[in-house]
PDB file of N, CA and C in Angstrom:
ATOM      1  N   ASP A   1     139.831  92.890  60.627  1.00  0.00           N
ATOM      2  CA  ASP A   1     139.123  93.061  61.875  1.00  0.00           C
ATOM      3  C   ASP A   1     138.722  91.935  62.424  1.00  0.00           C
ATOM      4  N   SER A   2     138.529  91.407  63.561  1.00  0.00           N
ATOM      5  CA  SER A   2     137.612  90.110  64.277  1.00  0.00           C
ATOM      6  C   SER A   2     137.027  90.617  65.497  1.00  0.00           C
ATOM      7  N   THR A   3     135.895  89.783  65.521  1.00  0.00           N
ATOM      8  CA  THR A   3     135.344  89.569  66.707  1.00  0.00           C
ATOM      9  C   THR A   3     135.784  88.530  67.859  1.00  0.00           C
ATOM     10  N   TYR A   4     135.949  88.839  68.690  1.00  0.00           N
ATOM     11  CA  TYR A   4     135.868  87.564  69.972  1.00  0.00           C
ATOM     12  C   TYR A   4     134.788  87.679  70.936  1.00  0.00           C
ATOM     13  N   VAL A   5     134.662  86.365  71.650  1.00  0.00           N
ATOM     14  CA  VAL A   5     133.663  86.499  72.767  1.00  0.00           C
ATOM     15  C   VAL A   5     134.275  85.763  73.649  1.00  0.00           C
ATOM     16  N   ALA A   6     134.399  86.297  75.108  1.00  0.00           N
ATOM     17  CA  ALA A   6     135.156  85.300  76.240  1.00  0.00           C
ATOM     18  C   ALA A   6     133.878  85.068  77.463  1.00  0.00           C
ATOM     19  N   TYR A   7     134.251  84.032  77.744  1.00  0.00           N
ATOM     20  CA  TYR A   7     133.558  83.242  78.530  1.00  0.00           C
ATOM     21  C   TYR A   7     134.524  83.189  80.245  1.00  0.00           C
ATOM     22  N   CYS A   8     133.962  83.800  81.048  1.00  0.00           N
ATOM     23  CA  CYS A   8     134.829  83.916  82.001  1.00  0.00           C
ATOM     24  C   CYS A   8     134.201  83.519  83.548  1.00  0.00           C
ATOM     25  N   PHE A   9     134.954  82.392  84.319  1.00  0.00           N
ATOM     26  CA  PHE A   9     134.695  81.848  85.160  1.00  0.00           C
ATOM     27  C   PHE A   9     135.413  81.951  86.450  1.00  0.00           C
ATOM     28  N   THR A  10     134.868  81.510  87.537  1.00  0.00           N
ATOM     29  CA  THR A  10     135.748  81.785  88.909  1.00  0.00           C
ATOM     30  C   THR A  10     135.057  80.625  90.044  1.00  0.00           C
ATOM     31  N   ASP A  11     136.020  80.354  90.767  1.00  0.00           N
ATOM     32  CA  ASP A  11     135.715  79.350  91.480  1.00  0.00           C
ATOM     33  C   ASP A  11     134.602  79.879  92.641  1.00  0.00           C
ATOM     34  N   VAL A  12     133.739  79.327  93.084  1.00  0.00           N
ATOM     35  CA  VAL A  12     132.557  79.720  94.014  1.00  0.00           C
ATOM     36  C   VAL A  12     132.395  78.369  95.056  1.00  0.00           C
ATOM     37  N   THR A  13     132.918  78.512  95.994  1.00  0.00           N
ATOM     38  CA  THR A  13     133.353  77.428  96.793  1.00  0.00           C
ATOM     39  C   THR A  13     131.800  77.154  97.106  1.00  0.00           C
ATOM     40  N   GLY A  14     131.603  75.682  96.988  1.00  0.00           N
ATOM     41  CA  GLY A  14     130.867  74.717  97.093  1.00  0.00           C
ATOM     42  C   GLY A  14     129.246  74.770  95.879  1.00  0.00           C
ATOM     43  N   TYR A  15     129.985  75.638  94.728  1.00  0.00           N
ATOM     44  CA  TYR A  15     129.230  75.600  93.341  1.00  0.00           C
ATOM     45  C   TYR A  15     129.838  75.316  92.255  1.00  0.00           C
ATOM     46  N   SER A  16     131.480  75.996  92.128  1.00  0.00           N
ATOM     47  CA  SER A  16     132.071  75.905  91.062  1.00  0.00           C
ATOM     48  C   SER A  16     133.517  75.860  91.249  1.00  0.00           C
ATOM     49  N   LYS A  17     134.085  75.042  90.430  1.00  0.00           N
ATOM     50  CA  LYS A  17     135.376  74.927  90.570  1.00  0.00           C
ATOM     51  C   LYS A  17     135.951  74.584  89.322  1.00  0.00           C
ATOM     52  N   MET A  18     137.457  75.400  89.066  1.00  0.00           N
ATOM     53  CA  MET A  18     137.990  75.392  87.656  1.00  0.00           C
ATOM     54  C   MET A  18     139.415  75.375  88.112  1.00  0.00           C
ATOM     55  N   GLY A  19     140.272  74.515  87.286  1.00  0.00           N
ATOM     56  CA  GLY A  19     141.585  74.364  87.337  1.00  0.00           C
ATOM     57  C   GLY A  19     142.271  73.346  86.461  1.00  0.00           C
ATOM     58  N   SER A  20     143.270  72.584  86.949  1.00  0.00           N
ATOM     59  CA  SER A  20     144.062  71.189  85.768  1.00  0.00           C
ATOM     60  C   SER A  20     144.056  70.641  86.878  1.00  0.00           C
ATOM     61  N   TYR A  21     144.830  69.439  85.997  1.00  0.00           N
ATOM     62  CA  TYR A  21     145.371  68.419  86.562  1.00  0.00           C
ATOM     63  C   TYR A  21     146.306  67.722  85.599  1.00  0.00           C
ATOM     64  N   THR A  22     146.902  66.651  86.186  1.00  0.00           N
ATOM     65  CA  THR A  22     147.939  66.003  85.610  1.00  0.00           C
ATOM     66  C   THR A  22     147.655  64.870  84.950  1.00  0.00           C
ATOM     67  N   GLY A  23     147.603  64.167  83.940  1.00  0.00           N
ATOM     68  CA  GLY A  23     146.946  62.396  83.576  1.00  0.00           C
ATOM     69  C   GLY A  23     148.182  61.634  84.491  1.00  0.00           C
ATOM     70  N   ASN A  24     147.666  60.385  84.340  1.00  0.00           N
ATOM     71  CA  ASN A  24     148.817  59.192  84.747  1.00  0.00           C
ATOM     72  C   ASN A  24     148.589  58.368  84.130  1.00  0.00           C
ATOM     73  N   GLY A  25     147.979  58.538  82.799  1.00  0.00           N
ATOM     74  CA  GLY A  25     147.834  57.362  81.798  1.00  0.00           C
ATOM     75  C   GLY A  25     147.622  55.834  82.237  1.00  0.00           C
ATOM     76  N   ASN A  26     146.495  55.849  83.371  1.00  0.00           N
ATOM     77  CA  ASN A  26     145.997  54.408  84.133  1.00  0.00           C
ATOM     78  C   ASN A  26     144.820  54.427  84.268  1.00  0.00           C
ATOM     79  N   ALA A  27     144.348  53.587  84.118  1.00  0.00           N
ATOM     80  CA  ALA A  27     142.703  53.427  83.938  1.00  0.00           C
ATOM     81  C   ALA A  27     142.111  53.759  85.317  1.00  0.00           C
ATOM     82  N   ASP A  28     142.862  53.577  86.429  1.00  0.00           N
ATOM     83  CA  ASP A  28     142.692  54.017  87.949  1.00  0.00           C
ATOM     84  C   ASP A  28     143.221  55.565  87.857  1.00  0.00           C
ATOM     85  N   GLY A  29     142.903  56.503  87.142  1.00  0.00           N
ATOM     86  CA  GLY A  29     143.427  57.725  86.928  1.00  0.00           C
ATOM     87  C   GLY A  29     143.577  58.652  88.376  1.00  0.00           C
ATOM     88  N   THR A  30     143.599  59.924  87.675  1.00  0.00           N
ATOM     89  CA  THR A  30     143.814  60.713  88.688  1.00  0.00           C
ATOM     90  C   THR A  30     142.727  60.994  89.084  1.00  0.00           C
ATOM     91  N   PHE A  31     142.264  61.577  90.637  1.00  0.00           N
ATOM     92  CA  PHE A  31     141.381  62.310  91.418  1.00  0.00           C
ATOM     93  C   PHE A  31     141.331  63.830  91.549  1.00  0.00           C
ATOM     94  N   ILE A  32     140.338  64.332  91.218  1.00  0.00           N
ATOM     95  CA  ILE A  32     140.232  65.858  91.153  1.00  0.00           C
ATOM     96  C   ILE A  32     139.423  66.116  92.147  1.00  0.00           C
ATOM     97  N   TYR A  33     139.990  66.857  93.464  1.00  0.00           N
ATOM     98  CA  TYR A  33     139.278  67.465  94.667  1.00  0.00           C
ATOM     99  C   TYR A  33     138.521  68.612  93.960  1.00  0.00           C
ATOM    100  N   THR A  34     137.066  68.697  94.443  1.00  0.00           N
ATOM    101  CA  THR A  34     136.343  70.006  93.897  1.00  0.00           C
ATOM    102  C   THR A  34     135.799  70.467  95.354  1.00  0.00           C
ATOM    103  N   GLY A  35     135.564  69.570  96.278  1.00  0.00           N
ATOM    104  CA  GLY A  35     134.966  70.078  97.610  1.00  0.00           C
ATOM    105  C   GLY A  35     133.197  69.671  97.460  1.00  0.00           C
ATOM    106  N   PHE A  36     132.971  69.346  96.159  1.00  0.00           N
ATOM    107  CA  PHE A  36     131.467  69.116  95.986  1.00  0.00           C
ATOM    108  C   PHE A  36     131.197  67.983  95.003  1.00  0.00           C
ATOM    109  N   LYS A  37     130.278  67.598  95.247  1.00  0.00           N
ATOM    110  CA  LYS A  37     129.740  66.154  94.128  1.00  0.00           C
ATOM    111  C   LYS A  37     129.495  66.823  92.857  1.00  0.00           C
ATOM    112  N   PRO A  38     129.795  66.901  92.132  1.00  0.00           N
ATOM    113  CA  PRO A  38     129.878  67.447  90.674  1.00  0.00           C
ATOM    114  C   PRO A  38     128.600  66.867  89.919  1.00  0.00           C
ATOM    115  N   ALA A  39     128.127  68.385  89.110  1.00  0.00           N
ATOM    116  CA  ALA A  39     126.792  67.475  88.166  1.00  0.00           C
ATOM    117  C   ALA A  39     127.327  67.734  87.068  1.00  0.00           C
ATOM    118  N   PHE A  40     128.034  68.545  86.419  1.00  0.00           N
ATOM    119  CA  PHE A  40     128.830  68.845  85.350  1.00  0.00           C
ATOM    120  C   PHE A  40     130.241  68.893  85.267  1.00  0.00           C
ATOM    121  N   VAL A  41     130.917  68.288  84.411  1.00  0.00           N
ATOM    122  CA  VAL A  41     132.666  68.563  84.102  1.00  0.00           C
ATOM    123  C   VAL A  41     132.724  68.558  82.623  1.00  0.00           C
ATOM    124  N   MET A  42     133.719  69.568  82.313  1.00  0.00           N
ATOM    125  CA  MET A  42     134.144  70.064  80.920  1.00  0.00           C
ATOM    126  C   MET A  42     135.367  69.510  80.983  1.00  0.00           C
ATOM    127  N   VAL A  43     136.091  68.912  80.294  1.00  0.00           N
ATOM    128  CA  VAL A  43     137.671  69.105  80.337  1.00  0.00           C
ATOM    129  C   VAL A  43     138.546  68.906  79.201  1.00  0.00           C
ATOM    130  N   LYS A  44     139.570  69.567  78.669  1.00  0.00           N
ATOM    131  CA  LYS A  44     140.473  69.741  77.777  1.00  0.00           C
ATOM    132  C   LYS A  44     141.783  69.573  77.663  1.00  0.00           C
ATOM    133  N   ARG A  45     142.575  68.924  77.085  1.00  0.00           N
ATOM    134  CA  ARG A  45     143.821  68.750  77.051  1.00  0.00           C
ATOM    135  C   ARG A  45     144.364  70.096  76.426  1.00  0.00           C
ATOM    136  N   ALA A  46     145.821  70.732  77.742  1.00  0.00           N
ATOM    137  CA  ALA A  46     145.910  71.836  77.219  1.00  0.00           C
ATOM    138  C   ALA A  46     147.550  71.626  76.664  1.00  0.00           C
ATOM    139  N   ASP A  47     148.039  70.638  76.624  1.00  0.00           N
ATOM    140  CA  ASP A  47     149.320  70.773  76.313  1.00  0.00           C
ATOM    141  C   ASP A  47     149.554  69.806  74.997  1.00  0.00           C
ATOM    142  N   SER A  48     148.190  69.716  74.409  1.00  0.00           N
ATOM    143  CA  SER A  48     148.233  69.038  73.062  1.00  0.00           C
ATOM    144  C   SER A  48     146.749  69.268  72.482  1.00  0.00           C
ATOM    145  N   SER A  49     146.819  68.752  71.030  1.00  0.00           N
ATOM    146  CA  SER A  49     145.589  69.495  70.386  1.00  0.00           C
ATOM    147  C   SER A  49     144.185  68.037  70.762  1.00  0.00           C
ATOM    148  N   SER A  50     143.347  68.317  71.641  1.00  0.00           N
ATOM    149  CA  SER A  50     142.212  67.693  71.673  1.00  0.00           C
ATOM    150  C   SER A  50     141.295  68.022  71.651  1.00  0.00           C
ATOM    151  N   LEU A  51     139.850  67.466  72.077  1.00  0.00           N
ATOM    152  CA  LEU A  51     138.705  68.020  72.267  1.00  0.00           C
ATOM    153  C   LEU A  51     138.092  68.197  73.472  1.00  0.00           C
ATOM    154  N   TRP A  52     137.231  69.157  73.579  1.00  0.00           N
ATOM    155  CA  TRP A  52     136.367  69.474  74.607  1.00  0.00           C
ATOM    156  C   TRP A  52     135.478  68.511  74.671  1.00  0.00           C
ATOM    157  N   GLN A  53     135.663  67.964  76.158  1.00  0.00           N
ATOM    158  CA  GLN A  53     134.312  67.202  76.112  1.00  0.00           C
ATOM    159  C   GLN A  53     133.794  67.351  77.616  1.00  0.00           C
ATOM    160  N   THR A  54     132.194  67.044  77.608  1.00  0.00           N
ATOM    161  CA  THR A  54     131.728  67.244  79.167  1.00  0.00           C
ATOM    162  C   THR A  54     130.851  66.106  79.154  1.00  0.00           C
ATOM    163  N   VAL A  55     130.443  65.612  80.568  1.00  0.00           N
ATOM    164  CA  VAL A  55     129.873  64.333  80.580  1.00  0.00           C
ATOM    165  C   VAL A  55     128.966  65.254  82.590  1.00  0.00           C
ATOM    166  N   ASP A  56     127.865  64.828  82.599  1.00  0.00           N
ATOM    167  CA  ASP A  56     126.782  65.485  83.456  1.00  0.00           C
ATOM    168  C   ASP A  56     125.924  64.307  83.765  1.00  0.00           C
ATOM    169  N   THR A  57     125.542  64.719  85.039  1.00  0.00           N
ATOM    170  CA  THR A  57     124.578  63.725  85.453  1.00  0.00           C
ATOM    171  C   THR A  57     123.281  63.332  85.008  1.00  0.00           C
ATOM    172  N   LYS A  58     122.654  64.146  84.454  1.00  0.00           N
ATOM    173  CA  LYS A  58     121.549  63.939  83.418  1.00  0.00           C
ATOM    174  C   LYS A  58     121.798  62.811  82.400  1.00  0.00           C
ATOM    175  N   ARG A  59     122.459  63.067  81.987  1.00  0.00           N
ATOM    176  CA  ARG A  59     122.838  61.908  81.057  1.00  0.00           C
ATOM    177  C   ARG A  59     123.328  60.363  81.452  1.00  0.00           C
ATOM    178  N   ASP A  60     123.759  60.525  82.408  1.00  0.00           N
ATOM    179  CA  ASP A  60     124.394  59.329  83.310  1.00  0.00           C
ATOM    180  C   ASP A  60     124.048  59.507  84.277  1.00  0.00           C
ATOM    181  N   THR A  61     123.562  58.764  85.124  1.00  0.00           N
ATOM    182  CA  THR A  61     122.770  58.692  86.292  1.00  0.00           C
ATOM    183  C   THR A  61     123.261  58.080  87.669  1.00  0.00           C
ATOM    184  N   TYR A  62     124.648  57.033  87.121  1.00  0.00           N
ATOM    185  CA  TYR A  62     125.323  56.340  88.053  1.00  0.00           C
ATOM    186  C   TYR A  62     126.717  56.371  87.535  1.00  0.00           C
ATOM    187  N   ASN A  63     127.700  56.128  87.974  1.00  0.00           N
ATOM    188  CA  ASN A  63     129.156  55.751  88.022  1.00  0.00           C
ATOM    189  C   ASN A  63     129.061  54.237  87.381  1.00  0.00           C
ATOM    190  N   ARG A  64     130.043  54.214  85.841  1.00  0.00           N
ATOM    191  CA  ARG A  64     130.998  55.170  85.817  1.00  0.00           C
ATOM    192  C   ARG A  64     129.994  56.125  84.414  1.00  0.00           C
ATOM    193  N   MET A  65     130.626  57.334  84.184  1.00  0.00           N
ATOM    194  CA  MET A  65     129.716  58.244  83.612  1.00  0.00           C
ATOM    195  C   MET A  65     130.543  57.975  81.877  1.00  0.00           C
ATOM    196  N   SER A  66     129.741  57.845  80.987  1.00  0.00           N
ATOM    197  CA  SER A  66     130.375  57.661  79.715  1.00  0.00           C
ATOM    198  C   SER A  66     129.627  58.318  78.213  1.00  0.00           C
ATOM    199  N   HIS A  67     128.341  59.019  78.762  1.00  0.00           N
ATOM    200  CA  HIS A  67     127.692  59.812  77.824  1.00  0.00           C
ATOM    201  C   HIS A  67     128.280  61.108  77.809  1.00  0.00           C
ATOM    202  N   THR A  68     129.040  61.234  76.666  1.00  0.00           N
ATOM    203  CA  THR A  68     129.959  62.065  76.462  1.00  0.00           C
ATOM    204  C   THR A  68     129.546  63.389  75.227  1.00  0.00           C
ATOM    205  N   LEU A  69     129.240  64.384  75.643  1.00  0.00           N
ATOM    206  CA  LEU A  69     128.847  65.764  74.695  1.00  0.00           C
ATOM    207  C   LEU A  69     130.265  66.646  74.111  1.00  0.00           C
ATOM    208  N   PHE A  70     130.203  66.915  72.914  1.00  0.00           N
ATOM    209  CA  PHE A  70     131.167  67.479  72.523  1.00  0.00           C
ATOM    210  C   PHE A  70     131.022  68.986  72.160  1.00  0.00           C
ATOM    211  N   PRO A  71     131.119  69.984  72.855  1.00  0.00           N
ATOM    212  CA  PRO A  71     130.540  71.613  72.711  1.00  0.00           C
ATOM    213  C   PRO A  71     131.000  71.723  71.537  1.00  0.00           C
ATOM    214  N   HIS A  72     132.056  71.546  70.751  1.00  0.00           N
ATOM    215  CA  HIS A  72     132.625  72.551  69.585  1.00  0.00           C
ATOM    216  C   HIS A  72     132.173  71.899  68.750  1.00  0.00           C
ATOM    217  N   LEU A  73     131.354  70.751  68.583  1.00  0.00           N
ATOM    218  CA  LEU A  73     131.090  70.113  67.316  1.00  0.00           C
ATOM    219  C   LEU A  73     129.908  69.745  67.124  1.00  0.00           C
ATOM    220  N   ALA A  74     128.916  69.432  66.113  1.00  0.00           N
ATOM    221  CA  ALA A  74     127.722  69.345  65.672  1.00  0.00           C
ATOM    222  C   ALA A  74     127.143  67.824  65.763  1.00  0.00           C
ATOM    223  N   ASP A  75     128.273  66.778  66.465  1.00  0.00           N
ATOM    224  CA  ASP A  75     127.895  65.679  66.909  1.00  0.00           C
ATOM    225  C   ASP A  75     126.819  65.425  67.449  1.00  0.00           C
ATOM    226  N   ALA A  76     126.316  64.132  67.483  1.00  0.00           N
ATOM    227  CA  ALA A  76     125.672  63.992  68.605  1.00  0.00           C
ATOM    228  C   ALA A  76     126.145  63.412  69.665  1.00  0.00           C
ATOM    229  N   GLU A  77     125.467  63.139  70.875  1.00  0.00           N
ATOM    230  CA  GLU A  77     126.190  62.282  72.146  1.00  0.00           C
ATOM    231  C   GLU A  77     126.781  61.378  72.243  1.00  0.00           C
ATOM    232  N   SER A  78     127.992  61.102  72.462  1.00  0.00           N
ATOM    233  CA  SER A  78     128.263  59.788  72.086  1.00  0.00           C
ATOM    234  C   SER A  78     128.309  58.990  73.634  1.00  0.00           C
ATOM    235  N   SER A  79     127.978  57.491  73.288  1.00  0.00           N
ATOM    236  CA  SER A  79     128.025  56.829  74.424  1.00  0.00           C
ATOM    237  C   SER A  79     129.073  55.968  74.688  1.00  0.00           C
ATOM    238  N   THR A  80     130.177  56.229  74.049  1.00  0.00           N
ATOM    239  CA  THR A  80     131.136  55.462  74.488  1.00  0.00           C
ATOM    240  C   THR A  80     132.623  56.853  74.445  1.00  0.00           C
ATOM    241  N   GLY A  81     132.274  57.453  75.161  1.00  0.00           N
ATOM    242  CA  GLY A  81     133.338  58.615  75.436  1.00  0.00           C
ATOM    243  C   GLY A  81     133.824  58.239  76.740  1.00  0.00           C
ATOM    244  N   TRP A  82     134.880  59.224  77.228  1.00  0.00           N
ATOM    245  CA  TRP A  82     135.705  58.846  78.192  1.00  0.00           C
ATOM    246  C   TRP A  82     134.722  58.462  79.498  1.00  0.00           C
ATOM    247  N   PHE A  83     135.480  57.914  80.366  1.00  0.00           N
ATOM    248  CA  PHE A  83     135.036  57.470  81.587  1.00  0.00           C
ATOM    249  C   PHE A  83     135.281  58.220  82.739  1.00  0.00           C
ATOM    250  N   VAL A  84     134.375  58.271  83.636  1.00  0.00           N
ATOM    251  CA  VAL A  84     134.794  59.062  85.006  1.00  0.00           C
ATOM    252  C   VAL A  84     133.605  58.910  86.207  1.00  0.00           C
ATOM    253  N   ASP A  85     134.241  58.818  87.353  1.00  0.00           N
ATOM    254  CA  ASP A  85     133.147  58.299  88.197  1.00  0.00           C
ATOM    255  C   ASP A  85     133.084  59.772  89.337  1.00  0.00           C
ATOM    256  N   TYR A  86     131.736  60.534  89.530  1.00  0.00           N
ATOM    257  CA  TYR A  86     131.456  61.372  90.320  1.00  0.00           C
ATOM    258  C   TYR A  86     131.468  60.753  91.721  1.00  0.00           C
ATOM    259  N   VAL A  87     132.101  61.609  92.491  1.00  0.00           N
ATOM    260  CA  VAL A  87     132.027  61.309  94.001  1.00  0.00           C
ATOM    261  C   VAL A  87     131.889  62.508  94.780  1.00  0.00           C
ATOM    262  N   SER A  88     131.743  62.167  96.035  1.00  0.00           N
ATOM    263  CA  SER A  88     130.920  63.534  96.872  1.00  0.00           C
ATOM    264  C   SER A  88     131.837  64.511  97.006  1.00  0.00           C
ATOM    265  N   ASN A  89     132.857  64.551  96.953  1.00  0.00           N
ATOM    266  CA  ASN A  89     133.978  65.296  96.654  1.00  0.00           C
ATOM    267  C   ASN A  89     134.790  65.813  95.807  1.00  0.00           C
ATOM    268  N   GLY A  90     134.574  65.281  94.577  1.00  0.00           N
ATOM    269  CA  GLY A  90     135.069  65.360  93.223  1.00  0.00           C
ATOM    270  C   GLY A  90     134.913  64.793  92.299  1.00  0.00           C
ATOM    271  N   PHE A  91     135.841  64.389  91.293  1.00  0.00           N
ATOM    272  CA  PHE A  91     135.826  63.161  90.016  1.00  0.00           C
ATOM    273  C   PHE A  91     136.825  62.814  90.132  1.00  0.00           C
ATOM    274  N   LYS A  92     137.062  61.576  89.574  1.00  0.00           N
ATOM    275  CA  LYS A  92     138.025  60.352  89.206  1.00  0.00           C
ATOM    276  C   LYS A  92     138.316  59.999  87.600  1.00  0.00           C
ATOM    277  N   ILE A  93     139.132  60.151  86.774  1.00  0.00           N
ATOM    278  CA  ILE A  93     139.136  59.821  85.905  1.00  0.00           C
ATOM    279  C   ILE A  93     139.499  58.198  85.453  1.00  0.00           C
ATOM    280  N   ARG A  94     138.761  57.311  84.673  1.00  0.00           N
ATOM    281  CA  ARG A  94     138.568  55.874  85.044  1.00  0.00           C
ATOM    282  C   ARG A  94     138.760  55.499  83.485  1.00  0.00           C
ATOM    283  N   ASP A  95     139.667  56.412  82.543  1.00  0.00           N
ATOM    284  CA  ASP A  95     140.422  55.947  81.366  1.00  0.00           C
ATOM    285  C   ASP A  95     141.347  56.422  80.897  1.00  0.00           C
ATOM    286  N   THR A  96     142.169  55.795  80.130  1.00  0.00           N
ATOM    287  CA  THR A  96     143.411  55.863  79.543  1.00  0.00           C
ATOM    288  C   THR A  96     143.623  56.647  78.146  1.00  0.00           C
ATOM    289  N   GLY A  97     142.648  57.010  78.280  1.00  0.00           N
ATOM    290  CA  GLY A  97     142.602  57.826  76.877  1.00  0.00           C
ATOM    291  C   GLY A  97     143.587  59.074  76.714  1.00  0.00           C
ATOM    292  N   THR A  98     144.200  59.444  75.961  1.00  0.00           N
ATOM    293  CA  THR A  98     145.234  60.670  75.581  1.00  0.00           C
ATOM    294  C   THR A  98     144.426  61.863  75.734  1.00  0.00           C
ATOM    295  N   SER A  99     142.905  61.650  75.553  1.00  0.00           N
ATOM    296  CA  SER A  99     142.072  63.341  75.267  1.00  0.00           C
ATOM    297  C   SER A  99     141.792  63.608  76.928  1.00  0.00           C
ATOM    298  N   VAL A 100     141.752  62.755  77.497  1.00  0.00           N
ATOM    299  CA  VAL A 100     141.676  63.005  79.187  1.00  0.00           C
ATOM    300  C   VAL A 100     142.772  62.579  80.565  1.00  0.00           C
ATOM    301  N   ASN A 101     143.729  61.564  79.513  1.00  0.00           N
ATOM    302  CA  ASN A 101     144.320  61.096  80.861  1.00  0.00           C
ATOM    303  C   ASN A 101     145.855  60.574  80.343  1.00  0.00           C
ATOM    304  N   ALA A 102     146.468  61.165  79.854  1.00  0.00           N
ATOM    305  CA  ALA A 102     147.729  60.554  78.955  1.00  0.00           C
ATOM    306  C   ALA A 102     148.690  60.982  80.273  1.00  0.00           C
ATOM    307  N   SER A 103     149.885  60.111  80.410  1.00  0.00           N
ATOM    308  CA  SER A 103     150.711  59.748  81.428  1.00  0.00           C
ATOM    309  C   SER A 103     151.295  61.171  81.454  1.00  0.00           C
ATOM    310  N   GLY A 104     151.517  62.196  81.985  1.00  0.00           N
ATOM    311  CA  GLY A 104     151.976  63.604  82.082  1.00  0.00           C
ATOM    312  C   GLY A 104     151.361  64.632  81.506  1.00  0.00           C
ATOM    313  N   GLY A 105     150.442  64.510  81.039  1.00  0.00           N
ATOM    314  CA  GLY A 105     149.309  65.163  79.896  1.00  0.00           C
ATOM    315  C   GLY A 105     148.912  66.199  81.080  1.00  0.00           C
ATOM    316  N   THR A 106     148.690  67.895  80.646  1.00  0.00           N
ATOM    317  CA  THR A 106     148.071  68.925  81.138  1.00  0.00           C
ATOM    318  C   THR A 106     146.453  68.684  80.573  1.00  0.00           C
ATOM    319  N   TYR A 107     145.571  69.001  81.467  1.00  0.00           N
ATOM    320  CA  TYR A 107     144.296  68.763  81.354  1.00  0.00           C
ATOM    321  C   TYR A 107     143.483  70.085  81.947  1.00  0.00           C
ATOM    322  N   LEU A 108     143.122  71.038  81.016  1.00  0.00           N
ATOM    323  CA  LEU A 108     142.292  72.018  82.119  1.00  0.00           C
ATOM    324  C   LEU A 108     140.510  71.584  82.229  1.00  0.00           C
ATOM    325  N   TYR A 109     139.972  71.854  83.658  1.00  0.00           N
ATOM    326  CA  TYR A 109     138.685  71.066  83.486  1.00  0.00           C
ATOM    327  C   TYR A 109     137.767  72.644  84.077  1.00  0.00           C
ATOM    328  N   MET A 110     136.529  72.205  84.023  1.00  0.00           N
ATOM    329  CA  MET A 110     135.371  73.025  84.732  1.00  0.00           C
ATOM    330  C   MET A 110     133.989  72.265  85.191  1.00  0.00           C
ATOM    331  N   THR A 111     134.099  72.653  86.287  1.00  0.00           N
ATOM    332  CA  THR A 111     132.685  71.601  87.083  1.00  0.00           C
ATOM    333  C   THR A 111     131.926  72.421  87.676  1.00  0.00           C
ATOM    334  N   PHE A 112     131.136  72.061  88.031  1.00  0.00           N
ATOM    335  CA  PHE A 112     130.024  72.570  88.699  1.00  0.00           C
ATOM    336  C   PHE A 112     128.941  71.945  89.401  1.00  0.00           C
ATOM    337  N   ALA A 113     128.646  71.839  90.858  1.00  0.00           N
ATOM    338  CA  ALA A 113     127.853  71.211  91.498  1.00  0.00           C
ATOM    339  C   ALA A 113     126.872  70.399  91.578  1.00  0.00           C
ATOM    340  N   GLU A 114     126.548  69.486  91.826  1.00  0.00           N
ATOM    341  CA  GLU A 114     125.024  68.787  91.745  1.00  0.00           C
ATOM    342  C   GLU A 114     123.988  69.396  92.578  1.00  0.00           C
ATOM    343  N   ALA A 115     124.501  69.701  93.908  1.00  0.00           N
ATOM    344  CA  ALA A 115     123.716  70.332  95.033  1.00  0.00           C
ATOM    345  C   ALA A 115     124.139  71.657  95.907  1.00  0.00           C
ATOM    346  N   PRO A 116     124.592  72.464  94.801  1.00  0.00           N
ATOM    347  CA  PRO A 116     125.203  73.788  95.640  1.00  0.00           C
ATOM    348  C   PRO A 116     124.841  74.183  96.965  1.00  0.00           C
ATOM    349  N   LEU A 117     125.562  74.482  97.843  1.00  0.00           N
ATOM    350  CA  LEU A 117     125.277  74.896  99.161  1.00  0.00           C
ATOM    351  C   LEU A 117     126.220  76.234  99.633  1.00  0.00           C
ATOM    352  N   VAL A 118     125.903  77.230  99.108  1.00  0.00           N
ATOM    353  CA  VAL A 118     126.612  78.631  99.301  1.00  0.00           C
ATOM    354  C   VAL A 118     125.808  79.360  99.690  1.00  0.00           C
ATOM    355  N   GLY A 119     126.341  80.237 100.898  1.00  0.00           N
ATOM    356  CA  GLY A 119     126.006  81.237 101.493  1.00  0.00           C
ATOM    357  C   GLY A 119     126.498  82.238 101.157  1.00  0.00           C
ATOM    358  N   SER A 120     126.351  83.313 102.188  1.00  0.00           N
ATOM    359  CA  SER A 120     127.060  84.728 101.655  1.00  0.00           C
ATOM    360  C   SER A 120     128.517  84.396 101.748  1.00  0.00           C
ATOM    361  N   ASN A 121     129.348  85.545 100.870  1.00  0.00           N
ATOM    362  CA  ASN A 121     130.779  85.460 100.978  1.00  0.00           C
ATOM    363  C   ASN A 121     131.427  84.093 100.346  1.00  0.00           C
ATOM    364  N   ASN A 122     130.824  83.456  99.703  1.00  0.00           N
ATOM    365  CA  ASN A 122     131.571  82.079  99.203  1.00  0.00           C
ATOM    366  C   ASN A 122     131.494  81.243 100.551  1.00  0.00           C
ATOM    367  N   THR A 123     130.688  81.360 101.439  1.00  0.00           N
ATOM    368  CA  THR A 123     130.886  80.359 102.405  1.00  0.00           C
ATOM    369  C   THR A 123     129.689  79.044 102.561  1.00  0.00           C
ATOM    370  N   PRO A 124     130.247  77.928 102.604  1.00  0.00           N
ATOM    371  CA  PRO A 124     129.285  76.810 102.283  1.00  0.00           C
ATOM    372  C   PRO A 124     128.156  76.797 103.328  1.00  0.00           C
ATOM    373  N   CYS A 125     126.987  76.745 102.984  1.00  0.00           N
ATOM    374  CA  CYS A 125     125.934  76.568 104.445  1.00  0.00           C
ATOM    375  C   CYS A 125     125.961  75.557 105.040  1.00  0.00           C
ATOM    376  N   THR A 126     125.716  75.353 106.100  1.00  0.00           N
ATOM    377  CA  THR A 126     125.222  74.239 106.974  1.00  0.00           C
ATOM    378  C   THR A 126     124.230  74.409 107.738  1.00  0.00           C
ATOM    379  N   ALA A 127     123.598  73.507 108.443  1.00  0.00           N
ATOM    380  CA  ALA A 127     122.462  73.047 109.038  1.00  0.00           C
ATOM    381  C   ALA A 127     122.386  74.140 110.556  1.00  0.00           C
ATOM    382  N   ARG A 128     121.589  74.016 110.879  1.00  0.00           N
ATOM    383  CA  ARG A 128     121.075  74.701 112.075  1.00  0.00           C
ATOM    384  C   ARG A 128     121.400  73.737 112.989  1.00  0.00           C
TER     385      ARG A 128
END
């Protein structure tokens, strides 16, 4: 007999985005469009064994983001983790490591916005 816990998330326009991307193995890595500037990104390789990795704007306040947490480990924060740039509408991988950007590798990601602007029915808020 086993006990399981499931955390289920969904995209909310202007607030959160989940999906996948394909690595290119290049330091000028894949760009992932989210529709907002991320505050938090979590990535895991799906087609091979790798670690869950997170970066956020509280640990790194400028690009290149490199302070990484590994949520499934008891390890301390790493300041030599993977490198990523946060931009106004997504994030760009700046690393050749196989855990985040192997050529042809499949990666899952989850991200949340730095300044969520969402109104009713998942419609982004706009100024008057």
